[in-house]
């Protein structure tokens, strides 16, 4: 399989590239849509958004970005440029139940575990060694940090971010664009646009935009609480 990496200014692109290598995929090239000071060194060519070869537009796109709001905005940018689809990348070292549903454009990095009847939405990012319990649902654009654990029947809302090493108890819901701090233990539902930290996790800020102060909008186009 061949693909294009769009948004290669994040170092996270290197972890995504490793997954693609293990899958045996070919990267036609990368698009540096903005200048961040970082460029991956192991594949070429890298072009600007105004230099994309027309034949690339027929290939599926991978968005190698951790921030939910950035993936949300780049999805629209990519489609406006004429790309047609997004590739779902599931590292072959991940353990994925036969009943897991993986949405278009989702990225699952090395060592993740996706249990029975779990669901990943569109353009979800599951980082290294994250664990998703049975009957858990991770909504569109949400991100799970390295080593976090979602117990059974957890729901992670659209554009939410669960930090590295956090644990979310069974049946708990994380609201849209909410942020769970690294290492937190979440025993109760988390409101939309809230930051929770600690063990047990408590709300320390309401009305945040989302991770990195960027929101994922609702399907009607809204972005802020």
C-alpha atoms as a PDB file:
ATOM      1  CA  UNK A   1       0.000   0.000   0.000  1.00  0.00           C
ATOM      2  CA  UNK A   2       1.116   3.545  -0.750  1.00  0.00           C
ATOM      3  CA  UNK A   3       0.182   6.688   1.167  1.00  0.00           C
ATOM      4  CA  UNK A   4       1.005  10.357   1.716  1.00  0.00           C
ATOM      5  CA  UNK A   5       1.887  11.805   5.114  1.00  0.00           C
ATOM      6  CA  UNK A   6       0.292  15.226   5.558  1.00  0.00           C
ATOM      7  CA  UNK A   7       1.523  17.446   8.382  1.00  0.00           C
ATOM      8  CA  UNK A   8       5.068  16.156   8.902  1.00  0.00           C
ATOM      9  CA  UNK A   9       6.156  18.945  11.257  1.00  0.00           C
ATOM     10  CA  UNK A  10       5.494  16.891  14.405  1.00  0.00           C
ATOM     11  CA  UNK A  11       8.143  14.463  15.743  1.00  0.00           C
ATOM     12  CA  UNK A  12       5.279  11.972  16.180  1.00  0.00           C
ATOM     13  CA  UNK A  13       5.655  11.349  12.447  1.00  0.00           C
ATOM     14  CA  UNK A  14       8.644   9.131  13.265  1.00  0.00           C
ATOM     15  CA  UNK A  15       6.505   6.722  15.318  1.00  0.00           C
ATOM     16  CA  UNK A  16       3.925   6.617  12.540  1.00  0.00           C
ATOM     17  CA  UNK A  17       6.650   5.950   9.997  1.00  0.00           C
ATOM     18  CA  UNK A  18       7.868   2.976  12.060  1.00  0.00           C
ATOM     19  CA  UNK A  19       4.354   1.524  11.984  1.00  0.00           C
ATOM     20  CA  UNK A  20       4.258   1.963   8.209  1.00  0.00           C
ATOM     21  CA  UNK A  21       7.644   0.222   7.873  1.00  0.00           C
ATOM     22  CA  UNK A  22       6.381  -2.754   9.889  1.00  0.00           C
ATOM     23  CA  UNK A  23       3.248  -2.862   7.724  1.00  0.00           C
ATOM     24  CA  UNK A  24       5.332  -2.845   4.570  1.00  0.00           C
ATOM     25  CA  UNK A  25       3.672   0.305   3.231  1.00  0.00           C
ATOM     26  CA  UNK A  26       5.358   2.826   0.944  1.00  0.00           C
ATOM     27  CA  UNK A  27       5.342   6.556   1.660  1.00  0.00           C
ATOM     28  CA  UNK A  28       5.133   8.481  -1.623  1.00  0.00           C
ATOM     29  CA  UNK A  29       6.124  11.663   0.208  1.00  0.00           C
ATOM     30  CA  UNK A  30       5.265  14.112   2.949  1.00  0.00           C
ATOM     31  CA  UNK A  31       3.538  17.484   3.033  1.00  0.00           C
ATOM     32  CA  UNK A  32       4.902  20.197   5.318  1.00  0.00           C
ATOM     33  CA  UNK A  33       1.786  22.337   5.546  1.00  0.00           C
ATOM     34  CA  UNK A  34       3.406  24.724   8.051  1.00  0.00           C
ATOM     35  CA  UNK A  35       6.960  25.390   9.174  1.00  0.00           C
ATOM     36  CA  UNK A  36       7.581  24.037  12.680  1.00  0.00           C
ATOM     37  CA  UNK A  37      11.355  23.709  12.698  1.00  0.00           C
ATOM     38  CA  UNK A  38      11.166  19.902  12.481  1.00  0.00           C
ATOM     39  CA  UNK A  39      11.551  17.786   9.353  1.00  0.00           C
ATOM     40  CA  UNK A  40      11.731  13.987   9.284  1.00  0.00           C
ATOM     41  CA  UNK A  41      15.031  12.809   7.834  1.00  0.00           C
ATOM     42  CA  UNK A  42      14.165   9.318   6.596  1.00  0.00           C
ATOM     43  CA  UNK A  43      11.844   9.884   3.685  1.00  0.00           C
ATOM     44  CA  UNK A  44      11.577  12.205   0.699  1.00  0.00           C
ATOM     45  CA  UNK A  45      10.351  14.174  -1.021  1.00  0.00           C
ATOM     46  CA  UNK A  46       8.793  16.647   1.390  1.00  0.00           C
ATOM     47  CA  UNK A  47       6.798  19.380  -0.321  1.00  0.00           C
ATOM     48  CA  UNK A  48       4.755  22.390   0.695  1.00  0.00           C
ATOM     49  CA  UNK A  49       0.979  22.391   0.389  1.00  0.00           C
ATOM     50  CA  UNK A  50       1.244  24.427  -2.832  1.00  0.00           C
ATOM     51  CA  UNK A  51       3.684  21.942  -4.392  1.00  0.00           C
ATOM     52  CA  UNK A  52       1.723  18.691  -4.097  1.00  0.00           C
ATOM     53  CA  UNK A  53       2.045  16.579  -7.273  1.00  0.00           C
ATOM     54  CA  UNK A  54      -1.338  15.852  -8.803  1.00  0.00           C
ATOM     55  CA  UNK A  55      -0.796  12.100  -8.799  1.00  0.00           C
ATOM     56  CA  UNK A  56      -0.531  12.170  -4.984  1.00  0.00           C
ATOM     57  CA  UNK A  57      -4.189  13.180  -4.754  1.00  0.00           C
ATOM     58  CA  UNK A  58      -5.303   9.648  -5.629  1.00  0.00           C
ATOM     59  CA  UNK A  59      -3.466   8.198  -2.622  1.00  0.00           C
ATOM     60  CA  UNK A  60      -4.842   7.856   0.918  1.00  0.00           C
ATOM     61  CA  UNK A  61      -3.566  10.368   3.458  1.00  0.00           C
ATOM     62  CA  UNK A  62      -2.175   9.739   6.952  1.00  0.00           C
ATOM     63  CA  UNK A  63      -2.291  12.616   9.455  1.00  0.00           C
ATOM     64  CA  UNK A  64       0.653  11.938  11.848  1.00  0.00           C
ATOM     65  CA  UNK A  65      -0.387  14.428  14.537  1.00  0.00           C
ATOM     66  CA  UNK A  66      -1.180  13.968  18.230  1.00  0.00           C
ATOM     67  CA  UNK A  67      -3.364  17.054  18.820  1.00  0.00           C
ATOM     68  CA  UNK A  68      -7.049  16.283  18.077  1.00  0.00           C
ATOM     69  CA  UNK A  69      -7.861  19.820  16.942  1.00  0.00           C
ATOM     70  CA  UNK A  70      -5.019  19.790  14.442  1.00  0.00           C
ATOM     71  CA  UNK A  71      -6.237  16.552  12.858  1.00  0.00           C
ATOM     72  CA  UNK A  72      -9.746  17.978  12.705  1.00  0.00           C
ATOM     73  CA  UNK A  73      -8.662  21.141  10.889  1.00  0.00           C
ATOM     74  CA  UNK A  74      -6.230  19.336   8.581  1.00  0.00           C
ATOM     75  CA  UNK A  75      -8.945  16.901   7.520  1.00  0.00           C
ATOM     76  CA  UNK A  76     -10.803  19.793   5.935  1.00  0.00           C
ATOM     77  CA  UNK A  77      -7.632  21.235   4.424  1.00  0.00           C
ATOM     78  CA  UNK A  78      -6.700  17.889   2.864  1.00  0.00           C
ATOM     79  CA  UNK A  79     -10.134  17.382   1.314  1.00  0.00           C
ATOM     80  CA  UNK A  80     -10.196  20.928  -0.063  1.00  0.00           C
ATOM     81  CA  UNK A  81      -6.871  20.248  -1.794  1.00  0.00           C
ATOM     82  CA  UNK A  82      -8.433  17.299  -3.626  1.00  0.00           C
ATOM     83  CA  UNK A  83      -7.373  14.224  -1.643  1.00  0.00           C
ATOM     84  CA  UNK A  84     -10.138  11.639  -1.409  1.00  0.00           C
ATOM     85  CA  UNK A  85      -9.488   9.341   1.544  1.00  0.00           C
ATOM     86  CA  UNK A  86      -7.587   8.684   4.779  1.00  0.00           C
ATOM     87  CA  UNK A  87      -5.649   5.525   5.558  1.00  0.00           C
ATOM     88  CA  UNK A  88      -6.157   3.687   8.827  1.00  0.00           C
ATOM     89  CA  UNK A  89      -2.774   2.685  10.262  1.00  0.00           C
ATOM     90  CA  UNK A  90      -2.713  -0.173  12.783  1.00  0.00           C
ATOM     91  CA  UNK A  91       0.779  -1.224  13.828  1.00  0.00           C
ATOM     92  CA  UNK A  92       1.147  -5.013  13.465  1.00  0.00           C
ATOM     93  CA  UNK A  93       2.518  -5.194  17.021  1.00  0.00           C
ATOM     94  CA  UNK A  94      -0.846  -3.981  18.372  1.00  0.00           C
ATOM     95  CA  UNK A  95      -3.285  -6.585  19.711  1.00  0.00           C
ATOM     96  CA  UNK A  96      -6.658  -5.919  18.107  1.00  0.00           C
ATOM     97  CA  UNK A  97      -9.736  -8.004  18.893  1.00  0.00           C
ATOM     98  CA  UNK A  98     -11.616  -9.479  15.963  1.00  0.00           C
ATOM     99  CA  UNK A  99     -14.692  -7.498  17.054  1.00  0.00           C
ATOM    100  CA  UNK A 100     -12.925  -4.124  17.261  1.00  0.00           C
ATOM    101  CA  UNK A 101     -14.109  -1.468  14.803  1.00  0.00           C
ATOM    102  CA  UNK A 102     -11.453   0.959  13.551  1.00  0.00           C
ATOM    103  CA  UNK A 103     -12.619   4.134  11.824  1.00  0.00           C
ATOM    104  CA  UNK A 104     -11.188   5.760   8.717  1.00  0.00           C
ATOM    105  CA  UNK A 105      -7.899   7.518   9.287  1.00  0.00           C
ATOM    106  CA  UNK A 106      -7.316   6.127  12.779  1.00  0.00           C
ATOM    107  CA  UNK A 107      -3.719   5.564  13.904  1.00  0.00           C
ATOM    108  CA  UNK A 108      -2.796   2.792  16.364  1.00  0.00           C
ATOM    109  CA  UNK A 109       0.867   2.772  17.391  1.00  0.00           C
ATOM    110  CA  UNK A 110       3.100  -0.049  18.612  1.00  0.00           C
ATOM    111  CA  UNK A 111       2.015  -2.240  21.502  1.00  0.00           C
ATOM    112  CA  UNK A 112      -1.528  -0.948  21.914  1.00  0.00           C
ATOM    113  CA  UNK A 113      -4.279  -3.349  23.006  1.00  0.00           C
ATOM    114  CA  UNK A 114      -7.849  -3.010  21.708  1.00  0.00           C
ATOM    115  CA  UNK A 115     -10.239  -5.366  23.454  1.00  0.00           C
ATOM    116  CA  UNK A 116     -13.458  -7.010  22.329  1.00  0.00           C
ATOM    117  CA  UNK A 117     -16.310  -4.897  20.957  1.00  0.00           C
ATOM    118  CA  UNK A 118     -14.302  -1.677  21.257  1.00  0.00           C
ATOM    119  CA  UNK A 119     -14.808   1.108  18.719  1.00  0.00           C
ATOM    120  CA  UNK A 120     -12.472   3.766  17.356  1.00  0.00           C
ATOM    121  CA  UNK A 121     -13.984   6.682  15.462  1.00  0.00           C
ATOM    122  CA  UNK A 122     -12.568   8.584  12.515  1.00  0.00           C
ATOM    123  CA  UNK A 123      -9.054  10.006  12.792  1.00  0.00           C
ATOM    124  CA  UNK A 124      -8.524   8.704  16.331  1.00  0.00           C
ATOM    125  CA  UNK A 125      -4.947   8.430  17.602  1.00  0.00           C
ATOM    126  CA  UNK A 126      -3.954   5.608  19.972  1.00  0.00           C
ATOM    127  CA  UNK A 127      -0.381   6.043  21.157  1.00  0.00           C
ATOM    128  CA  UNK A 128       2.179   3.466  22.274  1.00  0.00           C
ATOM    129  CA  UNK A 129       1.037   0.704  24.653  1.00  0.00           C
ATOM    130  CA  UNK A 130      -2.369   2.269  25.340  1.00  0.00           C
ATOM    131  CA  UNK A 131      -5.062  -0.206  26.435  1.00  0.00           C
ATOM    132  CA  UNK A 132      -8.706   0.045  25.403  1.00  0.00           C
ATOM    133  CA  UNK A 133     -11.064  -2.196  27.338  1.00  0.00           C
ATOM    134  CA  UNK A 134     -14.026  -4.206  26.104  1.00  0.00           C
ATOM    135  CA  UNK A 135     -17.057  -2.263  24.834  1.00  0.00           C
ATOM    136  CA  UNK A 136     -15.151   1.021  25.075  1.00  0.00           C
ATOM    137  CA  UNK A 137     -15.816   3.758  22.529  1.00  0.00           C
ATOM    138  CA  UNK A 138     -13.315   6.397  21.439  1.00  0.00           C
ATOM    139  CA  UNK A 139     -15.089   9.075  19.414  1.00  0.00           C
ATOM    140  CA  UNK A 140     -13.804  10.907  16.340  1.00  0.00           C
ATOM    141  CA  UNK A 141     -10.462  12.749  16.583  1.00  0.00           C
ATOM    142  CA  UNK A 142      -9.797  11.762  20.211  1.00  0.00           C
ATOM    143  CA  UNK A 143      -6.249  10.912  21.325  1.00  0.00           C
ATOM    144  CA  UNK A 144      -5.063   8.335  23.865  1.00  0.00           C
ATOM    145  CA  UNK A 145      -1.584   8.974  25.272  1.00  0.00           C
ATOM    146  CA  UNK A 146       1.150   6.356  25.758  1.00  0.00           C
ATOM    147  CA  UNK A 147       0.356   3.704  28.330  1.00  0.00           C
ATOM    148  CA  UNK A 148      -3.063   5.008  29.317  1.00  0.00           C
ATOM    149  CA  UNK A 149      -5.757   2.479  30.254  1.00  0.00           C
ATOM    150  CA  UNK A 150      -9.447   2.672  29.442  1.00  0.00           C
ATOM    151  CA  UNK A 151     -11.365   0.051  31.407  1.00  0.00           C
ATOM    152  CA  UNK A 152     -14.469  -1.654  30.073  1.00  0.00           C
ATOM    153  CA  UNK A 153     -17.373   0.391  28.686  1.00  0.00           C
ATOM    154  CA  UNK A 154     -15.515   3.702  28.892  1.00  0.00           C
ATOM    155  CA  UNK A 155     -16.576   6.438  26.461  1.00  0.00           C
ATOM    156  CA  UNK A 156     -14.085   9.051  25.268  1.00  0.00           C
ATOM    157  CA  UNK A 157     -15.775  12.005  23.610  1.00  0.00           C
ATOM    158  CA  UNK A 158     -15.075  13.715  20.312  1.00  0.00           C
ATOM    159  CA  UNK A 159     -11.705  15.455  20.369  1.00  0.00           C
ATOM    160  CA  UNK A 160     -10.885  14.506  23.976  1.00  0.00           C
ATOM    161  CA  UNK A 161      -7.318  13.763  25.073  1.00  0.00           C
ATOM    162  CA  UNK A 162      -6.346  11.174  27.689  1.00  0.00           C
ATOM    163  CA  UNK A 163      -2.772  11.745  28.880  1.00  0.00           C
ATOM    164  CA  UNK A 164       0.062   9.270  29.253  1.00  0.00           C
ATOM    165  CA  UNK A 165      -0.411   6.674  31.968  1.00  0.00           C
ATOM    166  CA  UNK A 166      -3.897   7.824  32.951  1.00  0.00           C
ATOM    167  CA  UNK A 167      -6.448   5.236  34.076  1.00  0.00           C
ATOM    168  CA  UNK A 168     -10.164   5.647  33.380  1.00  0.00           C
ATOM    169  CA  UNK A 169     -12.448   3.436  35.499  1.00  0.00           C
ATOM    170  CA  UNK A 170     -15.155   1.193  34.019  1.00  0.00           C
ATOM    171  CA  UNK A 171     -18.199   2.940  32.609  1.00  0.00           C
ATOM    172  CA  UNK A 172     -16.793   6.460  32.926  1.00  0.00           C
ATOM    173  CA  UNK A 173     -17.437   9.019  30.165  1.00  0.00           C
ATOM    174  CA  UNK A 174     -14.916  11.655  29.105  1.00  0.00           C
ATOM    175  CA  UNK A 175     -16.611  14.663  27.509  1.00  0.00           C
ATOM    176  CA  UNK A 176     -15.821  16.184  24.134  1.00  0.00           C
ATOM    177  CA  UNK A 177     -12.622  18.261  24.011  1.00  0.00           C
ATOM    178  CA  UNK A 178     -11.849  17.352  27.633  1.00  0.00           C
ATOM    179  CA  UNK A 179      -8.289  16.773  28.811  1.00  0.00           C
ATOM    180  CA  UNK A 180      -7.225  14.100  31.301  1.00  0.00           C
ATOM    181  CA  UNK A 181      -3.796  14.870  32.756  1.00  0.00           C
ATOM    182  CA  UNK A 182      -1.003  12.321  32.606  1.00  0.00           C
ATOM    183  CA  UNK A 183      -1.102   9.761  35.413  1.00  0.00           C
ATOM    184  CA  UNK A 184      -4.594  10.704  36.539  1.00  0.00           C
ATOM    185  CA  UNK A 185      -7.081   8.140  37.850  1.00  0.00           C
ATOM    186  CA  UNK A 186     -10.559   9.018  36.653  1.00  0.00           C
ATOM    187  CA  UNK A 187     -13.396   7.667  38.813  1.00  0.00           C
ATOM    188  CA  UNK A 188     -16.237   9.947  37.648  1.00  0.00           C
ATOM    189  CA  UNK A 189     -17.531  11.334  34.383  1.00  0.00           C
ATOM    190  CA  UNK A 190     -15.586  14.315  33.012  1.00  0.00           C
ATOM    191  CA  UNK A 191     -17.546  17.264  31.543  1.00  0.00           C
ATOM    192  CA  UNK A 192     -16.906  18.591  28.056  1.00  0.00           C
ATOM    193  CA  UNK A 193     -14.102  21.162  27.756  1.00  0.00           C
ATOM    194  CA  UNK A 194     -12.771  20.351  31.255  1.00  0.00           C
ATOM    195  CA  UNK A 195      -9.246  19.626  32.481  1.00  0.00           C
ATOM    196  CA  UNK A 196      -8.979  16.950  35.178  1.00  0.00           C
ATOM    197  CA  UNK A 197      -5.842  15.877  37.034  1.00  0.00           C
ATOM    198  CA  UNK A 198      -4.874  13.819  40.060  1.00  0.00           C
ATOM    199  CA  UNK A 199      -5.734  10.599  41.868  1.00  0.00           C
ATOM    200  CA  UNK A 200      -8.653  10.676  42.110  1.00  0.00           C
ATOM    201  CA  UNK A 201      -8.960  13.107  39.211  1.00  0.00           C
ATOM    202  CA  UNK A 202     -10.760  16.379  39.875  1.00  0.00           C
ATOM    203  CA  UNK A 203     -11.732  19.250  37.599  1.00  0.00           C
ATOM    204  CA  UNK A 204      -9.128  21.999  37.853  1.00  0.00           C
ATOM    205  CA  UNK A 205     -10.329  24.070  34.913  1.00  0.00           C
ATOM    206  CA  UNK A 206     -13.547  24.400  32.941  1.00  0.00           C
ATOM    207  CA  UNK A 207     -14.084  25.934  29.522  1.00  0.00           C
ATOM    208  CA  UNK A 208     -10.785  24.879  27.970  1.00  0.00           C
ATOM    209  CA  UNK A 209     -10.660  24.693  24.197  1.00  0.00           C
ATOM    210  CA  UNK A 210      -9.004  21.284  24.212  1.00  0.00           C
ATOM    211  CA  UNK A 211      -5.520  19.787  24.123  1.00  0.00           C
ATOM    212  CA  UNK A 212      -2.908  22.390  23.133  1.00  0.00           C
ATOM    213  CA  UNK A 213      -5.702  24.981  23.356  1.00  0.00           C
ATOM    214  CA  UNK A 214      -7.261  23.752  20.104  1.00  0.00           C
ATOM    215  CA  UNK A 215     -10.838  22.503  19.792  1.00  0.00           C
ATOM    216  CA  UNK A 216     -12.461  19.878  17.645  1.00  0.00           C
ATOM    217  CA  UNK A 217     -15.697  21.327  16.365  1.00  0.00           C
ATOM    218  CA  UNK A 218     -19.068  19.614  16.279  1.00  0.00           C
ATOM    219  CA  UNK A 219     -20.479  18.380  12.955  1.00  0.00           C
ATOM    220  CA  UNK A 220     -22.282  21.718  12.531  1.00  0.00           C
ATOM    221  CA  UNK A 221     -18.990  23.585  12.686  1.00  0.00           C
ATOM    222  CA  UNK A 222     -18.886  24.917  16.252  1.00  0.00           C
ATOM    223  CA  UNK A 223     -15.582  24.884  18.118  1.00  0.00           C
ATOM    224  CA  UNK A 224     -15.834  26.486  21.542  1.00  0.00           C
ATOM    225  CA  UNK A 225     -17.942  25.570  24.610  1.00  0.00           C
END
